[in-house]
Amino acid sequence: MVGPSPEPGAIATLDRCPVGSSARVHAIVGEGPIRRRLLEMGLCPGVAIEVIRRAPLGDPIEVRVRGYLLSIRGEQARLVSIESVAPC
């Protein structure tokens, strides 16, 4: 399960962000095809995201990014470093 919301301005990873919270992408860690794919899906530094829902077992995570809904696996979400904007 996900812990408490990060404080606004705190750096965390997307997989730790609770449902209903908003954040900005700080960086994509990792390298190679996975990093490139995340960037292609719109998860670029500075982009606003909102966590919409999680599957019953916590994976995948659905986020709103650039006006569309994106579902990503927990292992991919761990590669997205975020800056918390508004905790739930």
N, C-alpha and C. Protein backbone atom coordinates (compact mmCIF):
# COMPACT_ATOMS: atom_id res chain seq x y z
N MET A 1 0.83 -1.19 0.00
CA MET A 1 0.00 0.00 0.00
C MET A 1 0.87 1.24 0.00
N VAL A 2 0.32 2.35 -0.40
CA VAL A 2 1.05 3.60 -0.50
C VAL A 2 1.00 4.31 0.85
N GLY A 3 2.11 4.93 1.22
CA GLY A 3 2.20 5.67 2.48
C GLY A 3 1.52 7.02 2.39
N PRO A 4 1.78 7.89 3.35
CA PRO A 4 1.17 9.22 3.36
C PRO A 4 1.66 10.06 2.18
N SER A 5 0.88 11.08 1.85
CA SER A 5 1.22 11.97 0.74
C SER A 5 2.51 12.70 1.03
N PRO A 6 3.35 12.85 0.00
CA PRO A 6 4.54 13.67 0.19
C PRO A 6 4.13 15.13 0.38
N GLU A 7 4.92 15.88 1.13
CA GLU A 7 4.65 17.31 1.32
C GLU A 7 4.82 18.03 -0.01
N PRO A 8 4.08 19.12 -0.24
CA PRO A 8 4.26 19.88 -1.47
C PRO A 8 5.73 20.30 -1.61
N GLY A 9 6.27 20.10 -2.80
CA GLY A 9 7.66 20.43 -3.07
C GLY A 9 8.62 19.29 -2.81
N ALA A 10 8.17 18.21 -2.17
CA ALA A 10 9.03 17.07 -1.87
C ALA A 10 9.24 16.24 -3.14
N ILE A 11 10.42 15.65 -3.24
CA ILE A 11 10.73 14.79 -4.38
C ILE A 11 10.47 13.34 -3.98
N ALA A 12 9.75 12.63 -4.81
CA ALA A 12 9.42 11.22 -4.56
C ALA A 12 9.36 10.52 -5.92
N THR A 13 8.86 9.30 -5.94
CA THR A 13 8.64 8.62 -7.21
C THR A 13 7.15 8.44 -7.42
N LEU A 14 6.75 8.31 -8.66
CA LEU A 14 5.33 8.23 -9.01
C LEU A 14 4.63 7.05 -8.35
N ASP A 15 5.31 5.94 -8.15
CA ASP A 15 4.67 4.78 -7.54
C ASP A 15 4.27 5.04 -6.09
N ARG A 16 4.83 6.06 -5.43
CA ARG A 16 4.51 6.38 -4.04
C ARG A 16 3.42 7.45 -3.91
N CYS A 17 2.99 8.00 -5.03
CA CYS A 17 2.01 9.09 -5.04
C CYS A 17 0.60 8.52 -4.85
N PRO A 18 -0.15 9.01 -3.87
CA PRO A 18 -1.49 8.47 -3.62
C PRO A 18 -2.52 8.95 -4.65
N VAL A 19 -3.61 8.23 -4.76
CA VAL A 19 -4.71 8.57 -5.65
C VAL A 19 -5.25 9.95 -5.27
N GLY A 20 -5.50 10.77 -6.27
CA GLY A 20 -6.04 12.10 -6.05
C GLY A 20 -5.00 13.19 -5.93
N SER A 21 -3.74 12.83 -5.91
CA SER A 21 -2.70 13.85 -5.75
C SER A 21 -2.20 14.33 -7.10
N SER A 22 -1.64 15.52 -7.10
CA SER A 22 -1.08 16.12 -8.30
C SER A 22 0.40 16.34 -8.10
N ALA A 23 1.15 16.29 -9.19
CA ALA A 23 2.59 16.46 -9.10
C ALA A 23 3.12 16.94 -10.44
N ARG A 24 4.40 17.28 -10.46
CA ARG A 24 5.12 17.60 -11.69
C ARG A 24 6.25 16.60 -11.83
N VAL A 25 6.49 16.18 -13.06
CA VAL A 25 7.60 15.27 -13.32
C VAL A 25 8.90 16.04 -13.09
N HIS A 26 9.76 15.48 -12.27
CA HIS A 26 11.05 16.10 -11.97
C HIS A 26 12.11 15.53 -12.92
N ALA A 27 12.12 14.21 -13.09
CA ALA A 27 13.09 13.56 -13.96
C ALA A 27 12.64 12.14 -14.24
N ILE A 28 13.20 11.56 -15.29
CA ILE A 28 13.02 10.14 -15.57
C ILE A 28 14.38 9.50 -15.34
N VAL A 29 14.44 8.61 -14.36
CA VAL A 29 15.70 7.92 -14.08
C VAL A 29 15.74 6.63 -14.90
N GLY A 30 16.89 6.05 -15.00
CA GLY A 30 17.01 4.85 -15.83
C GLY A 30 17.55 5.24 -17.18
N GLU A 31 17.68 4.24 -18.03
CA GLU A 31 18.24 4.49 -19.34
C GLU A 31 17.69 3.50 -20.35
N GLY A 32 18.02 3.74 -21.59
CA GLY A 32 17.63 2.81 -22.64
C GLY A 32 16.19 2.94 -23.07
N PRO A 33 15.64 1.83 -23.59
CA PRO A 33 14.30 1.87 -24.19
C PRO A 33 13.18 2.22 -23.21
N ILE A 34 13.31 1.82 -21.95
CA ILE A 34 12.24 2.14 -20.99
C ILE A 34 12.16 3.64 -20.77
N ARG A 35 13.30 4.28 -20.57
CA ARG A 35 13.34 5.73 -20.37
C ARG A 35 12.78 6.44 -21.61
N ARG A 36 13.21 6.03 -22.78
CA ARG A 36 12.74 6.64 -24.02
C ARG A 36 11.23 6.49 -24.16
N ARG A 37 10.72 5.32 -23.83
CA ARG A 37 9.28 5.06 -23.95
C ARG A 37 8.48 5.95 -23.00
N LEU A 38 8.95 6.11 -21.77
CA LEU A 38 8.26 6.99 -20.81
C LEU A 38 8.23 8.43 -21.32
N LEU A 39 9.34 8.88 -21.88
CA LEU A 39 9.39 10.23 -22.45
C LEU A 39 8.44 10.35 -23.64
N GLU A 40 8.37 9.33 -24.48
CA GLU A 40 7.46 9.34 -25.63
C GLU A 40 6.00 9.38 -25.20
N MET A 41 5.69 8.79 -24.04
CA MET A 41 4.32 8.78 -23.54
C MET A 41 3.94 10.11 -22.89
N GLY A 42 4.88 11.07 -22.86
CA GLY A 42 4.56 12.40 -22.36
C GLY A 42 5.05 12.70 -20.96
N LEU A 43 5.76 11.78 -20.34
CA LEU A 43 6.25 12.00 -18.98
C LEU A 43 7.61 12.70 -19.02
N CYS A 44 7.58 13.95 -19.46
CA CYS A 44 8.79 14.77 -19.60
C CYS A 44 8.93 15.68 -18.38
N PRO A 45 10.14 16.05 -18.02
CA PRO A 45 10.34 16.96 -16.88
C PRO A 45 9.52 18.24 -17.02
N GLY A 46 8.86 18.61 -15.91
CA GLY A 46 8.02 19.81 -15.87
C GLY A 46 6.56 19.59 -16.17
N VAL A 47 6.19 18.43 -16.66
CA VAL A 47 4.80 18.14 -17.03
C VAL A 47 3.98 17.82 -15.78
N ALA A 48 2.78 18.40 -15.71
CA ALA A 48 1.87 18.15 -14.59
C ALA A 48 1.18 16.80 -14.78
N ILE A 49 1.05 16.05 -13.68
CA ILE A 49 0.34 14.77 -13.70
C ILE A 49 -0.58 14.69 -12.50
N GLU A 50 -1.61 13.87 -12.62
CA GLU A 50 -2.55 13.62 -11.53
C GLU A 50 -2.79 12.12 -11.46
N VAL A 51 -2.69 11.57 -10.25
CA VAL A 51 -2.95 10.14 -10.08
C VAL A 51 -4.46 9.95 -9.99
N ILE A 52 -5.02 9.19 -10.92
CA ILE A 52 -6.46 9.00 -11.02
C ILE A 52 -6.93 7.78 -10.22
N ARG A 53 -6.29 6.64 -10.43
CA ARG A 53 -6.69 5.42 -9.72
C ARG A 53 -5.60 4.37 -9.81
N ARG A 54 -5.76 3.36 -8.99
CA ARG A 54 -4.87 2.20 -8.99
C ARG A 54 -5.73 0.95 -9.14
N ALA A 55 -5.15 -0.06 -9.73
CA ALA A 55 -5.84 -1.34 -9.83
C ALA A 55 -5.99 -1.91 -8.41
N PRO A 56 -6.90 -2.85 -8.20
CA PRO A 56 -7.14 -3.39 -6.86
C PRO A 56 -5.88 -3.89 -6.14
N LEU A 57 -4.92 -4.42 -6.86
CA LEU A 57 -3.69 -4.89 -6.22
C LEU A 57 -2.57 -3.86 -6.32
N GLY A 58 -2.91 -2.63 -6.76
CA GLY A 58 -1.95 -1.54 -6.79
C GLY A 58 -1.18 -1.38 -8.09
N ASP A 59 -1.36 -2.27 -9.03
CA ASP A 59 -0.59 -2.20 -10.27
C ASP A 59 -1.49 -2.62 -11.42
N PRO A 60 -1.72 -1.86 -12.45
CA PRO A 60 -1.06 -0.62 -12.82
C PRO A 60 -1.66 0.62 -12.15
N ILE A 61 -1.03 1.76 -12.44
CA ILE A 61 -1.45 3.06 -11.92
C ILE A 61 -1.95 3.87 -13.12
N GLU A 62 -3.09 4.52 -12.96
CA GLU A 62 -3.62 5.37 -14.03
C GLU A 62 -3.38 6.83 -13.66
N VAL A 63 -2.76 7.58 -14.57
CA VAL A 63 -2.48 9.00 -14.33
C VAL A 63 -3.01 9.82 -15.50
N ARG A 64 -3.34 11.07 -15.21
CA ARG A 64 -3.73 12.01 -16.26
C ARG A 64 -2.49 12.85 -16.56
N VAL A 65 -2.08 12.82 -17.81
CA VAL A 65 -0.90 13.57 -18.25
C VAL A 65 -1.18 14.16 -19.62
N ARG A 66 -0.94 15.46 -19.78
CA ARG A 66 -1.14 16.14 -21.07
C ARG A 66 -2.53 15.93 -21.66
N GLY A 67 -3.55 15.84 -20.80
CA GLY A 67 -4.92 15.73 -21.27
C GLY A 67 -5.40 14.34 -21.61
N TYR A 68 -4.61 13.31 -21.38
CA TYR A 68 -5.08 11.95 -21.62
C TYR A 68 -4.76 11.07 -20.42
N LEU A 69 -5.41 9.90 -20.37
CA LEU A 69 -5.19 8.96 -19.28
C LEU A 69 -4.16 7.93 -19.71
N LEU A 70 -3.20 7.69 -18.83
CA LEU A 70 -2.10 6.77 -19.11
C LEU A 70 -2.01 5.77 -17.97
N SER A 71 -1.95 4.50 -18.30
CA SER A 71 -1.75 3.45 -17.29
C SER A 71 -0.34 2.92 -17.43
N ILE A 72 0.38 2.91 -16.31
CA ILE A 72 1.74 2.38 -16.33
C ILE A 72 1.94 1.42 -15.16
N ARG A 73 2.83 0.49 -15.33
CA ARG A 73 3.15 -0.50 -14.30
C ARG A 73 3.93 0.15 -13.17
N GLY A 74 3.88 -0.45 -12.01
CA GLY A 74 4.60 0.05 -10.84
C GLY A 74 6.09 0.14 -11.07
N GLU A 75 6.66 -0.84 -11.77
CA GLU A 75 8.11 -0.82 -12.03
C GLU A 75 8.49 0.35 -12.92
N GLN A 76 7.60 0.76 -13.83
CA GLN A 76 7.85 1.94 -14.66
C GLN A 76 7.65 3.22 -13.85
N ALA A 77 6.62 3.23 -12.98
CA ALA A 77 6.33 4.40 -12.16
C ALA A 77 7.49 4.70 -11.20
N ARG A 78 8.23 3.68 -10.79
CA ARG A 78 9.39 3.90 -9.92
C ARG A 78 10.51 4.67 -10.62
N LEU A 79 10.48 4.72 -11.93
CA LEU A 79 11.50 5.44 -12.69
C LEU A 79 11.15 6.92 -12.89
N VAL A 80 9.92 7.31 -12.50
CA VAL A 80 9.47 8.68 -12.68
C VAL A 80 9.61 9.43 -11.36
N SER A 81 10.58 10.31 -11.30
CA SER A 81 10.81 11.15 -10.13
C SER A 81 9.87 12.34 -10.23
N ILE A 82 9.10 12.61 -9.17
CA ILE A 82 8.10 13.67 -9.20
C ILE A 82 8.31 14.65 -8.06
N GLU A 83 7.80 15.86 -8.27
CA GLU A 83 7.76 16.88 -7.23
C GLU A 83 6.31 17.08 -6.88
N SER A 84 5.95 16.81 -5.64
CA SER A 84 4.56 16.90 -5.21
C SER A 84 4.06 18.34 -5.28
N VAL A 85 2.84 18.52 -5.82
CA VAL A 85 2.23 19.84 -5.94
C VAL A 85 1.09 19.96 -4.95
N ALA A 86 0.18 18.99 -4.94
CA ALA A 86 -1.01 19.06 -4.07
C ALA A 86 -1.32 17.66 -3.52
N PRO A 87 -1.08 17.45 -2.23
CA PRO A 87 -1.45 16.15 -1.67
C PRO A 87 -2.96 16.00 -1.62
N CYS A 88 -3.41 14.75 -1.55
CA CYS A 88 -4.86 14.53 -1.51
C CYS A 88 -5.42 14.86 -0.14
